[in-house]
Amino acid sequence: MIKRTLYFGNPAYLKTSNEQLIIEMTDTGETKQVPIEDIGVLILDHQQITITQALMAKLLANNTALITCDNTHHPVGLFLNLDGNTLQSQKFQAQVEASVPLKKQLWQQTVITKIQNQAAVLELEKIHNGLLLTFAKDVKSGDSDNHEAKAAAYYWKNIFPDFLNFTRERFGAPPNNLLNYGYAILRAVVARSLVGSGLLPTLGIFHKNQYNAYCLADDVMEPYRPFVDRIVCNIVRMNGQYLEMTPNMKKELLQIPAMDVSIDGQKSPLMNAVQRTTASLAKCFEGKTKKILYPKFI
């Protein structure tokens, strides 16, 4: 069963009773409840939301990714379970002891799939993608020739209409805002699954920034980013250059965990696919397999 993504953008009081999330809307007085076991991601996006400690503890015990946003509605915090797998210590050890050649091979697989998925987005947008397909075929162990960056330069130059004059920058003009929001949701989904698979999100296979607590999540989410990009392309198509964040745009981006992808030849919701990806990565670290399962477009 796919876990639910819940978003709160209005004043609310959130508490728990009988393993339920109890939602009291402070502006309307309306009360709702949701089984905690059904929740995969919960997003708090209002400065007048109150959440009880008891509820936070139950959400984290359920391996729910809890995202909090600042007063500009940008995600700034991510809470995760510290004990997500019964064999966590064993899996941590295998992750820590992973050899450099293994990490290079895993990164090669990651980059190849990312570029292939970027090429698929361009094809769906009816943009020539031959250069990206060539790059994907030529990726070496560890991506020593930096084909990821070469592919990105072509991809971002062509993915959006010319009138946007788009440059991919974290704090750049729209639709960077939409990409950032979608990636934050994706990052939470990936980090949650890594914890559930007994892995430490901090220890990456490629990303090594000492200030980044989610290096492995940033590695694993790379082939999934194009799925966010595809949703943003659809938003651009519907809104033109009017791309300041609206509730409808957020609603579209909140569908990311439930969108359909293909993984290992099977159709799957993205959140479930991420779980298969992180489980396969844990097996790679343990020497049980040499291949990470990554998604493709249907």
C-alpha atoms as a PDB file:
ATOM      1  CA  MET A   1       0.000   0.000   0.000  1.00  0.00           C
ATOM      2  CA  ILE A   2       1.279   3.443  -0.904  1.00  0.00           C
ATOM      3  CA  LYS A   3       1.612   5.796   2.038  1.00  0.00           C
ATOM      4  CA  ARG A   4      -0.241   9.101   1.985  1.00  0.00           C
ATOM      5  CA  THR A   5       1.308  12.568   1.676  1.00  0.00           C
ATOM      6  CA  LEU A   6      -0.483  15.096   3.890  1.00  0.00           C
ATOM      7  CA  TYR A   7      -0.072  18.852   3.471  1.00  0.00           C
ATOM      8  CA  PHE A   8      -1.183  21.493   5.984  1.00  0.00           C
ATOM      9  CA  GLY A   9      -1.200  25.092   4.758  1.00  0.00           C
ATOM     10  CA  ASN A  10      -3.707  26.592   7.207  1.00  0.00           C
ATOM     11  CA  PRO A  11      -3.785  27.072  10.999  1.00  0.00           C
ATOM     12  CA  ALA A  12      -4.320  23.703  12.672  1.00  0.00           C
ATOM     13  CA  TYR A  13      -3.851  21.797  15.904  1.00  0.00           C
ATOM     14  CA  LEU A  14      -2.461  18.305  15.322  1.00  0.00           C
ATOM     15  CA  LYS A  15      -2.584  15.660  18.042  1.00  0.00           C
ATOM     16  CA  THR A  16      -3.021  11.904  18.392  1.00  0.00           C
ATOM     17  CA  SER A  17      -5.486   9.493  19.920  1.00  0.00           C
ATOM     18  CA  ASN A  18      -5.863   5.724  19.431  1.00  0.00           C
ATOM     19  CA  GLU A  19      -3.111   5.612  16.759  1.00  0.00           C
ATOM     20  CA  GLN A  20      -4.929   8.285  14.753  1.00  0.00           C
ATOM     21  CA  LEU A  21      -3.761  11.713  13.625  1.00  0.00           C
ATOM     22  CA  ILE A  22      -6.425  14.101  14.923  1.00  0.00           C
ATOM     23  CA  ILE A  23      -6.682  17.309  12.884  1.00  0.00           C
ATOM     24  CA  GLU A  24      -8.442  20.316  14.386  1.00  0.00           C
ATOM     25  CA  MET A  25      -8.713  23.220  11.931  1.00  0.00           C
ATOM     26  CA  THR A  26      -8.482  26.292  14.154  1.00  0.00           C
ATOM     27  CA  ASP A  27     -10.062  28.656  11.635  1.00  0.00           C
ATOM     28  CA  THR A  28     -13.154  26.538  10.878  1.00  0.00           C
ATOM     29  CA  GLY A  29     -13.447  24.276  13.929  1.00  0.00           C
ATOM     30  CA  GLU A  30     -13.588  21.224  11.653  1.00  0.00           C
ATOM     31  CA  THR A  31     -12.087  17.982  12.981  1.00  0.00           C
ATOM     32  CA  LYS A  32     -10.747  15.065  10.936  1.00  0.00           C
ATOM     33  CA  GLN A  33      -8.683  11.981  11.631  1.00  0.00           C
ATOM     34  CA  VAL A  34      -6.263   9.829   9.639  1.00  0.00           C
ATOM     35  CA  PRO A  35      -4.639   6.506  10.650  1.00  0.00           C
ATOM     36  CA  ILE A  36      -0.990   7.232  11.427  1.00  0.00           C
ATOM     37  CA  GLU A  37       0.083   3.978   9.772  1.00  0.00           C
ATOM     38  CA  ASP A  38      -1.193   5.331   6.428  1.00  0.00           C
ATOM     39  CA  ILE A  39       1.047   8.443   6.436  1.00  0.00           C
ATOM     40  CA  GLY A  40       4.368   8.501   4.587  1.00  0.00           C
ATOM     41  CA  VAL A  41       5.084  12.234   4.349  1.00  0.00           C
ATOM     42  CA  LEU A  42       3.582  15.084   6.380  1.00  0.00           C
ATOM     43  CA  ILE A  43       4.249  18.715   5.422  1.00  0.00           C
ATOM     44  CA  LEU A  44       3.717  21.620   7.839  1.00  0.00           C
ATOM     45  CA  ASP A  45       3.450  24.875   5.887  1.00  0.00           C
ATOM     46  CA  HIS A  46       1.892  27.486   8.183  1.00  0.00           C
ATOM     47  CA  GLN A  47       3.308  29.449  11.093  1.00  0.00           C
ATOM     48  CA  GLN A  48       0.186  28.812  13.207  1.00  0.00           C
ATOM     49  CA  ILE A  49       0.285  25.020  13.187  1.00  0.00           C
ATOM     50  CA  THR A  50       0.670  23.339  16.567  1.00  0.00           C
ATOM     51  CA  ILE A  51       1.762  19.695  16.772  1.00  0.00           C
ATOM     52  CA  THR A  52       2.053  17.654  19.953  1.00  0.00           C
ATOM     53  CA  GLN A  53       5.149  15.773  21.033  1.00  0.00           C
ATOM     54  CA  ALA A  54       3.100  12.576  21.342  1.00  0.00           C
ATOM     55  CA  LEU A  55       2.048  12.846  17.702  1.00  0.00           C
ATOM     56  CA  MET A  56       5.598  13.568  16.512  1.00  0.00           C
ATOM     57  CA  ALA A  57       6.865  10.486  18.359  1.00  0.00           C
ATOM     58  CA  LYS A  58       4.195   8.261  16.782  1.00  0.00           C
ATOM     59  CA  LEU A  59       4.791   9.677  13.305  1.00  0.00           C
ATOM     60  CA  LEU A  60       8.529   9.054  13.545  1.00  0.00           C
ATOM     61  CA  ALA A  61       7.975   5.556  14.968  1.00  0.00           C
ATOM     62  CA  ASN A  62       5.881   4.942  11.846  1.00  0.00           C
ATOM     63  CA  ASN A  63       8.858   6.124   9.721  1.00  0.00           C
ATOM     64  CA  THR A  64       6.891   9.152   8.521  1.00  0.00           C
ATOM     65  CA  ALA A  65       9.001  11.918   6.982  1.00  0.00           C
ATOM     66  CA  LEU A  66       7.993  15.148   8.711  1.00  0.00           C
ATOM     67  CA  ILE A  67       8.760  18.330   6.726  1.00  0.00           C
ATOM     68  CA  THR A  68       8.509  21.818   8.195  1.00  0.00           C
ATOM     69  CA  CYS A  69       8.438  25.019   6.106  1.00  0.00           C
ATOM     70  CA  ASP A  70       9.482  28.594   6.890  1.00  0.00           C
ATOM     71  CA  ASN A  71       7.432  31.796   6.543  1.00  0.00           C
ATOM     72  CA  THR A  72       8.217  31.915   2.812  1.00  0.00           C
ATOM     73  CA  HIS A  73       6.698  28.416   2.406  1.00  0.00           C
ATOM     74  CA  HIS A  74      10.036  26.776   1.581  1.00  0.00           C
ATOM     75  CA  PRO A  75      10.886  23.436   3.271  1.00  0.00           C
ATOM     76  CA  VAL A  76      13.615  24.011   5.869  1.00  0.00           C
ATOM     77  CA  GLY A  77      13.528  20.931   8.092  1.00  0.00           C
ATOM     78  CA  LEU A  78      13.167  17.159   7.817  1.00  0.00           C
ATOM     79  CA  PHE A  79      12.550  14.827  10.769  1.00  0.00           C
ATOM     80  CA  LEU A  80      13.262  11.102  10.376  1.00  0.00           C
ATOM     81  CA  ASN A  81      13.147   7.966  12.497  1.00  0.00           C
ATOM     82  CA  LEU A  82      16.498   7.090  14.114  1.00  0.00           C
ATOM     83  CA  ASP A  83      15.741   3.356  14.318  1.00  0.00           C
ATOM     84  CA  GLY A  84      14.138   2.342  11.040  1.00  0.00           C
ATOM     85  CA  ASN A  85      15.367  -1.235  10.587  1.00  0.00           C
ATOM     86  CA  THR A  86      15.867  -4.199  12.917  1.00  0.00           C
ATOM     87  CA  LEU A  87      19.279  -4.952  11.335  1.00  0.00           C
ATOM     88  CA  GLN A  88      20.337  -1.313  11.239  1.00  0.00           C
ATOM     89  CA  SER A  89      23.739  -1.763  12.912  1.00  0.00           C
ATOM     90  CA  GLN A  90      24.682  -4.584  10.525  1.00  0.00           C
ATOM     91  CA  LYS A  91      23.588  -2.572   7.495  1.00  0.00           C
ATOM     92  CA  PHE A  92      25.394   0.548   8.734  1.00  0.00           C
ATOM     93  CA  GLN A  93      28.591  -1.486   8.977  1.00  0.00           C
ATOM     94  CA  ALA A  94      28.261  -2.800   5.424  1.00  0.00           C
ATOM     95  CA  GLN A  95      27.610   0.741   4.202  1.00  0.00           C
ATOM     96  CA  VAL A  96      30.635   2.153   6.010  1.00  0.00           C
ATOM     97  CA  GLU A  97      32.906  -0.617   4.706  1.00  0.00           C
ATOM     98  CA  ALA A  98      31.776  -0.320   1.063  1.00  0.00           C
ATOM     99  CA  SER A  99      34.824  -0.220  -1.218  1.00  0.00           C
ATOM    100  CA  VAL A 100      35.717   2.672  -3.480  1.00  0.00           C
ATOM    101  CA  PRO A 101      35.350   0.521  -6.663  1.00  0.00           C
ATOM    102  CA  LEU A 102      31.845  -0.510  -5.531  1.00  0.00           C
ATOM    103  CA  LYS A 103      30.848   3.115  -4.913  1.00  0.00           C
ATOM    104  CA  LYS A 104      32.175   4.112  -8.337  1.00  0.00           C
ATOM    105  CA  GLN A 105      30.142   1.358 -10.006  1.00  0.00           C
ATOM    106  CA  LEU A 106      27.031   2.378  -8.095  1.00  0.00           C
ATOM    107  CA  TRP A 107      27.515   6.007  -9.088  1.00  0.00           C
ATOM    108  CA  GLN A 108      27.990   4.957 -12.721  1.00  0.00           C
ATOM    109  CA  GLN A 109      24.621   3.164 -12.625  1.00  0.00           C
ATOM    110  CA  THR A 110      23.036   6.182 -10.962  1.00  0.00           C
ATOM    111  CA  VAL A 111      24.314   8.679 -13.536  1.00  0.00           C
ATOM    112  CA  ILE A 112      23.392   6.468 -16.501  1.00  0.00           C
ATOM    113  CA  THR A 113      19.799   6.139 -15.313  1.00  0.00           C
ATOM    114  CA  LYS A 114      19.537   9.837 -14.483  1.00  0.00           C
ATOM    115  CA  ILE A 115      20.672  10.852 -17.969  1.00  0.00           C
ATOM    116  CA  GLN A 116      18.387   8.270 -19.586  1.00  0.00           C
ATOM    117  CA  ASN A 117      15.437   9.661 -17.638  1.00  0.00           C
ATOM    118  CA  GLN A 118      16.403  13.216 -18.580  1.00  0.00           C
ATOM    119  CA  ALA A 119      16.447  12.094 -22.211  1.00  0.00           C
ATOM    120  CA  ALA A 120      12.968  10.618 -21.722  1.00  0.00           C
ATOM    121  CA  VAL A 121      11.672  13.969 -20.421  1.00  0.00           C
ATOM    122  CA  LEU A 122      13.059  15.756 -23.470  1.00  0.00           C
ATOM    123  CA  GLU A 123      11.454  13.177 -25.747  1.00  0.00           C
ATOM    124  CA  LEU A 124       8.093  13.664 -24.012  1.00  0.00           C
ATOM    125  CA  GLU A 125       8.512  17.412 -24.506  1.00  0.00           C
ATOM    126  CA  LYS A 126       9.333  16.767 -28.188  1.00  0.00           C
ATOM    127  CA  ILE A 127      12.902  18.041 -27.820  1.00  0.00           C
ATOM    128  CA  HIS A 128      15.872  16.342 -29.488  1.00  0.00           C
ATOM    129  CA  ASN A 129      17.553  14.036 -26.946  1.00  0.00           C
ATOM    130  CA  GLY A 130      20.208  12.251 -29.015  1.00  0.00           C
ATOM    131  CA  LEU A 131      23.118  13.941 -27.241  1.00  0.00           C
ATOM    132  CA  LEU A 132      21.903  12.753 -23.841  1.00  0.00           C
ATOM    133  CA  LEU A 133      21.487   9.185 -25.060  1.00  0.00           C
ATOM    134  CA  THR A 134      25.082   9.309 -26.308  1.00  0.00           C
ATOM    135  CA  PHE A 135      26.272  10.645 -22.957  1.00  0.00           C
ATOM    136  CA  ALA A 136      24.422   7.854 -21.135  1.00  0.00           C
ATOM    137  CA  LYS A 137      26.188   5.188 -23.209  1.00  0.00           C
ATOM    138  CA  ASP A 138      29.615   6.686 -22.474  1.00  0.00           C
ATOM    139  CA  VAL A 139      29.430   7.008 -18.676  1.00  0.00           C
ATOM    140  CA  LYS A 140      32.427   5.300 -17.078  1.00  0.00           C
ATOM    141  CA  SER A 141      32.953   3.985 -13.556  1.00  0.00           C
ATOM    142  CA  GLY A 142      32.616   6.895 -11.146  1.00  0.00           C
ATOM    143  CA  ASP A 143      31.562   9.121 -14.084  1.00  0.00           C
ATOM    144  CA  SER A 144      35.223  10.095 -14.462  1.00  0.00           C
ATOM    145  CA  ASP A 145      34.441  12.167 -17.577  1.00  0.00           C
ATOM    146  CA  ASN A 146      31.693  14.095 -15.747  1.00  0.00           C
ATOM    147  CA  HIS A 147      28.955  13.234 -18.242  1.00  0.00           C
ATOM    148  CA  GLU A 148      26.368  14.099 -15.602  1.00  0.00           C
ATOM    149  CA  ALA A 149      27.358  17.776 -15.767  1.00  0.00           C
ATOM    150  CA  LYS A 150      27.612  17.757 -19.561  1.00  0.00           C
ATOM    151  CA  ALA A 151      24.145  16.253 -19.838  1.00  0.00           C
ATOM    152  CA  ALA A 152      22.762  18.749 -17.319  1.00  0.00           C
ATOM    153  CA  ALA A 153      24.077  21.713 -19.309  1.00  0.00           C
ATOM    154  CA  TYR A 154      22.196  20.578 -22.438  1.00  0.00           C
ATOM    155  CA  TYR A 155      19.126  19.442 -20.503  1.00  0.00           C
ATOM    156  CA  TRP A 156      18.521  22.684 -18.606  1.00  0.00           C
ATOM    157  CA  LYS A 157      19.196  24.758 -21.692  1.00  0.00           C
ATOM    158  CA  ASN A 158      16.446  22.996 -23.625  1.00  0.00           C
ATOM    159  CA  ILE A 159      13.810  21.677 -21.246  1.00  0.00           C
ATOM    160  CA  PHE A 160      11.766  24.875 -20.792  1.00  0.00           C
ATOM    161  CA  PRO A 161      10.411  27.328 -23.393  1.00  0.00           C
ATOM    162  CA  ASP A 162      12.798  30.038 -24.590  1.00  0.00           C
ATOM    163  CA  PHE A 163      10.661  32.867 -23.178  1.00  0.00           C
ATOM    164  CA  LEU A 164      11.642  31.800 -19.649  1.00  0.00           C
ATOM    165  CA  ASN A 165      15.360  32.275 -20.382  1.00  0.00           C
ATOM    166  CA  PHE A 166      15.848  29.588 -17.729  1.00  0.00           C
ATOM    167  CA  THR A 167      18.997  29.006 -15.677  1.00  0.00           C
ATOM    168  CA  ARG A 168      19.019  26.280 -13.053  1.00  0.00           C
ATOM    169  CA  GLU A 169      19.924  28.000  -9.781  1.00  0.00           C
ATOM    170  CA  ARG A 170      18.672  27.192  -6.308  1.00  0.00           C
ATOM    171  CA  PHE A 171      17.562  30.771  -5.660  1.00  0.00           C
ATOM    172  CA  GLY A 172      16.991  31.653  -9.302  1.00  0.00           C
ATOM    173  CA  ALA A 173      13.874  32.849 -11.075  1.00  0.00           C
ATOM    174  CA  PRO A 174      10.823  30.583 -11.571  1.00  0.00           C
ATOM    175  CA  PRO A 175      10.390  27.745 -12.228  1.00  0.00           C
ATOM    176  CA  ASN A 176      13.375  27.147  -9.920  1.00  0.00           C
ATOM    177  CA  ASN A 177      10.910  27.598  -7.049  1.00  0.00           C
ATOM    178  CA  LEU A 178       8.766  24.738  -8.343  1.00  0.00           C
ATOM    179  CA  LEU A 179      11.758  22.480  -8.892  1.00  0.00           C
ATOM    180  CA  ASN A 180      13.065  23.198  -5.390  1.00  0.00           C
ATOM    181  CA  TYR A 181       9.712  22.402  -3.793  1.00  0.00           C
ATOM    182  CA  GLY A 182       9.324  19.188  -5.759  1.00  0.00           C
ATOM    183  CA  TYR A 183      12.873  18.097  -4.991  1.00  0.00           C
ATOM    184  CA  ALA A 184      12.306  18.728  -1.275  1.00  0.00           C
ATOM    185  CA  ILE A 185       9.340  16.360  -1.318  1.00  0.00           C
ATOM    186  CA  LEU A 186      11.345  13.793  -3.285  1.00  0.00           C
ATOM    187  CA  ARG A 187      14.306  14.119  -0.912  1.00  0.00           C
ATOM    188  CA  ALA A 188      12.059  13.411   2.059  1.00  0.00           C
ATOM    189  CA  VAL A 189      10.612  10.321   0.367  1.00  0.00           C
ATOM    190  CA  VAL A 190      14.110   9.014  -0.436  1.00  0.00           C
ATOM    191  CA  ALA A 191      15.536   9.763   3.026  1.00  0.00           C
ATOM    192  CA  ARG A 192      12.562   8.023   4.641  1.00  0.00           C
ATOM    193  CA  SER A 193      13.122   4.900   2.537  1.00  0.00           C
ATOM    194  CA  LEU A 194      16.861   4.871   3.249  1.00  0.00           C
ATOM    195  CA  VAL A 195      16.136   4.834   6.978  1.00  0.00           C
ATOM    196  CA  GLY A 196      13.581   2.076   6.438  1.00  0.00           C
ATOM    197  CA  SER A 197      16.218   0.039   4.593  1.00  0.00           C
ATOM    198  CA  GLY A 198      18.646   0.403   7.483  1.00  0.00           C
ATOM    199  CA  LEU A 199      20.987   2.853   5.745  1.00  0.00           C
ATOM    200  CA  LEU A 200      22.504   6.087   6.997  1.00  0.00           C
ATOM    201  CA  PRO A 201      21.383   9.006   4.783  1.00  0.00           C
ATOM    202  CA  THR A 202      24.511  10.995   5.695  1.00  0.00           C
ATOM    203  CA  LEU A 203      27.081   8.648   4.078  1.00  0.00           C
ATOM    204  CA  GLY A 204      26.887   9.108   0.313  1.00  0.00           C
ATOM    205  CA  ILE A 205      28.350   7.107  -2.546  1.00  0.00           C
ATOM    206  CA  PHE A 206      29.282  10.308  -4.407  1.00  0.00           C
ATOM    207  CA  HIS A 207      28.072  13.400  -2.526  1.00  0.00           C
ATOM    208  CA  LYS A 208      30.461  14.161   0.357  1.00  0.00           C
ATOM    209  CA  ASN A 209      29.652  17.698   1.550  1.00  0.00           C
ATOM    210  CA  GLN A 210      30.552  17.800   5.239  1.00  0.00           C
ATOM    211  CA  TYR A 211      27.648  20.157   5.908  1.00  0.00           C
ATOM    212  CA  ASN A 212      25.061  17.912   4.229  1.00  0.00           C
ATOM    213  CA  ALA A 213      23.225  15.440   6.466  1.00  0.00           C
ATOM    214  CA  TYR A 214      21.567  13.740   3.473  1.00  0.00           C
ATOM    215  CA  CYS A 215      24.389  12.945   1.057  1.00  0.00           C
ATOM    216  CA  LEU A 216      23.117   9.437   0.294  1.00  0.00           C
ATOM    217  CA  ALA A 217      19.581  10.722  -0.222  1.00  0.00           C
ATOM    218  CA  ASP A 218      20.955  13.246  -2.709  1.00  0.00           C
ATOM    219  CA  ASP A 219      22.769  10.425  -4.522  1.00  0.00           C
ATOM    220  CA  VAL A 220      19.789   8.095  -4.733  1.00  0.00           C
ATOM    221  CA  MET A 221      17.284  10.773  -5.742  1.00  0.00           C
ATOM    222  CA  GLU A 222      19.247  11.770  -8.864  1.00  0.00           C
ATOM    223  CA  PRO A 223      17.478   9.355 -11.281  1.00  0.00           C
ATOM    224  CA  TYR A 224      14.154  10.390  -9.737  1.00  0.00           C
ATOM    225  CA  ARG A 225      14.614  14.132 -10.313  1.00  0.00           C
ATOM    226  CA  PRO A 226      13.400  13.979 -13.940  1.00  0.00           C
ATOM    227  CA  PHE A 227       9.998  12.819 -12.687  1.00  0.00           C
ATOM    228  CA  VAL A 228       9.728  16.087 -10.755  1.00  0.00           C
ATOM    229  CA  ASP A 229      10.959  17.968 -13.819  1.00  0.00           C
ATOM    230  CA  ARG A 230       8.178  16.413 -15.895  1.00  0.00           C
ATOM    231  CA  ILE A 231       5.506  17.681 -13.493  1.00  0.00           C
ATOM    232  CA  VAL A 232       7.078  21.150 -13.546  1.00  0.00           C
ATOM    233  CA  CYS A 233       7.050  21.077 -17.368  1.00  0.00           C
ATOM    234  CA  ASN A 234       3.315  20.420 -17.226  1.00  0.00           C
ATOM    235  CA  ILE A 235       2.822  23.331 -14.802  1.00  0.00           C
ATOM    236  CA  VAL A 236       4.790  25.634 -17.116  1.00  0.00           C
ATOM    237  CA  ARG A 237       2.685  24.513 -20.061  1.00  0.00           C
ATOM    238  CA  MET A 238      -0.495  25.428 -18.172  1.00  0.00           C
ATOM    239  CA  ASN A 239       0.719  28.723 -16.657  1.00  0.00           C
ATOM    240  CA  GLY A 240       3.274  30.210 -19.055  1.00  0.00           C
ATOM    241  CA  GLN A 241       5.544  32.711 -17.308  1.00  0.00           C
ATOM    242  CA  TYR A 242       3.169  33.163 -14.337  1.00  0.00           C
ATOM    243  CA  LEU A 243       4.979  30.736 -12.072  1.00  0.00           C
ATOM    244  CA  GLU A 244       4.848  32.134  -8.556  1.00  0.00           C
ATOM    245  CA  MET A 245       3.740  29.274  -6.314  1.00  0.00           C
ATOM    246  CA  THR A 246      -0.016  28.792  -6.024  1.00  0.00           C
ATOM    247  CA  PRO A 247      -2.096  26.215  -4.085  1.00  0.00           C
ATOM    248  CA  ASN A 248      -2.892  24.419  -7.345  1.00  0.00           C
ATOM    249  CA  MET A 249       0.805  24.164  -8.213  1.00  0.00           C
ATOM    250  CA  LYS A 250       1.542  22.745  -4.758  1.00  0.00           C
ATOM    251  CA  LYS A 251      -1.270  20.256  -5.256  1.00  0.00           C
ATOM    252  CA  GLU A 252       0.375  19.062  -8.471  1.00  0.00           C
ATOM    253  CA  LEU A 253       3.782  18.709  -6.795  1.00  0.00           C
ATOM    254  CA  LEU A 254       2.298  16.856  -3.827  1.00  0.00           C
ATOM    255  CA  GLN A 255       1.324  14.092  -6.258  1.00  0.00           C
ATOM    256  CA  ILE A 256       4.997  13.174  -6.738  1.00  0.00           C
ATOM    257  CA  PRO A 257       5.022  10.215  -4.289  1.00  0.00           C
ATOM    258  CA  ALA A 258       1.949   8.703  -5.968  1.00  0.00           C
ATOM    259  CA  MET A 259       2.924   9.171  -9.624  1.00  0.00           C
ATOM    260  CA  ASP A 260       3.407   5.995 -11.649  1.00  0.00           C
ATOM    261  CA  VAL A 261       6.863   4.863 -12.751  1.00  0.00           C
ATOM    262  CA  SER A 262       8.325   1.660 -14.162  1.00  0.00           C
ATOM    263  CA  ILE A 263      10.867  -0.236 -12.058  1.00  0.00           C
ATOM    264  CA  ASP A 264      12.283  -3.677 -12.824  1.00  0.00           C
ATOM    265  CA  GLY A 265       9.685  -4.003 -15.578  1.00  0.00           C
ATOM    266  CA  GLN A 266       6.733  -3.309 -13.285  1.00  0.00           C
ATOM    267  CA  LYS A 267       4.426  -0.317 -12.897  1.00  0.00           C
ATOM    268  CA  SER A 268       4.680   1.173  -9.423  1.00  0.00           C
ATOM    269  CA  PRO A 269       3.869   4.346  -7.461  1.00  0.00           C
ATOM    270  CA  LEU A 270       7.050   6.388  -7.076  1.00  0.00           C
ATOM    271  CA  MET A 271       7.137   6.037  -3.285  1.00  0.00           C
ATOM    272  CA  ASN A 272       7.048   2.243  -3.560  1.00  0.00           C
ATOM    273  CA  ALA A 273       9.706   2.351  -6.279  1.00  0.00           C
ATOM    274  CA  VAL A 274      11.975   4.348  -3.974  1.00  0.00           C
ATOM    275  CA  GLN A 275      11.592   1.634  -1.341  1.00  0.00           C
ATOM    276  CA  ARG A 276      12.735  -0.964  -3.868  1.00  0.00           C
ATOM    277  CA  THR A 277      15.660   1.253  -4.854  1.00  0.00           C
ATOM    278  CA  THR A 278      16.920   1.703  -1.298  1.00  0.00           C
ATOM    279  CA  ALA A 279      16.425  -1.982  -0.480  1.00  0.00           C
ATOM    280  CA  SER A 280      18.490  -2.928  -3.540  1.00  0.00           C
ATOM    281  CA  LEU A 281      21.201  -0.451  -2.511  1.00  0.00           C
ATOM    282  CA  ALA A 282      21.421  -2.073   0.921  1.00  0.00           C
ATOM    283  CA  LYS A 283      21.911  -5.436  -0.811  1.00  0.00           C
ATOM    284  CA  CYS A 284      24.687  -3.930  -2.943  1.00  0.00           C
ATOM    285  CA  PHE A 285      26.528  -2.799   0.179  1.00  0.00           C
ATOM    286  CA  GLU A 286      26.097  -6.299   1.659  1.00  0.00           C
ATOM    287  CA  GLY A 287      27.478  -7.957  -1.477  1.00  0.00           C
ATOM    288  CA  LYS A 288      24.194  -9.702  -2.326  1.00  0.00           C
ATOM    289  CA  THR A 289      23.769  -7.946  -5.688  1.00  0.00           C
ATOM    290  CA  LYS A 290      25.648  -5.514  -7.921  1.00  0.00           C
ATOM    291  CA  LYS A 291      22.721  -3.618  -9.381  1.00  0.00           C
ATOM    292  CA  ILE A 292      20.600  -0.794  -7.948  1.00  0.00           C
ATOM    293  CA  LEU A 293      16.997  -0.896  -9.094  1.00  0.00           C
ATOM    294  CA  TYR A 294      16.112   2.516 -10.524  1.00  0.00           C
ATOM    295  CA  PRO A 295      12.906   3.754 -12.202  1.00  0.00           C
ATOM    296  CA  LYS A 296      12.135   4.690 -15.770  1.00  0.00           C
ATOM    297  CA  PHE A 297       9.260   6.516 -17.399  1.00  0.00           C
ATOM    298  CA  ILE A 298       6.304   4.372 -18.397  1.00  0.00           C
END
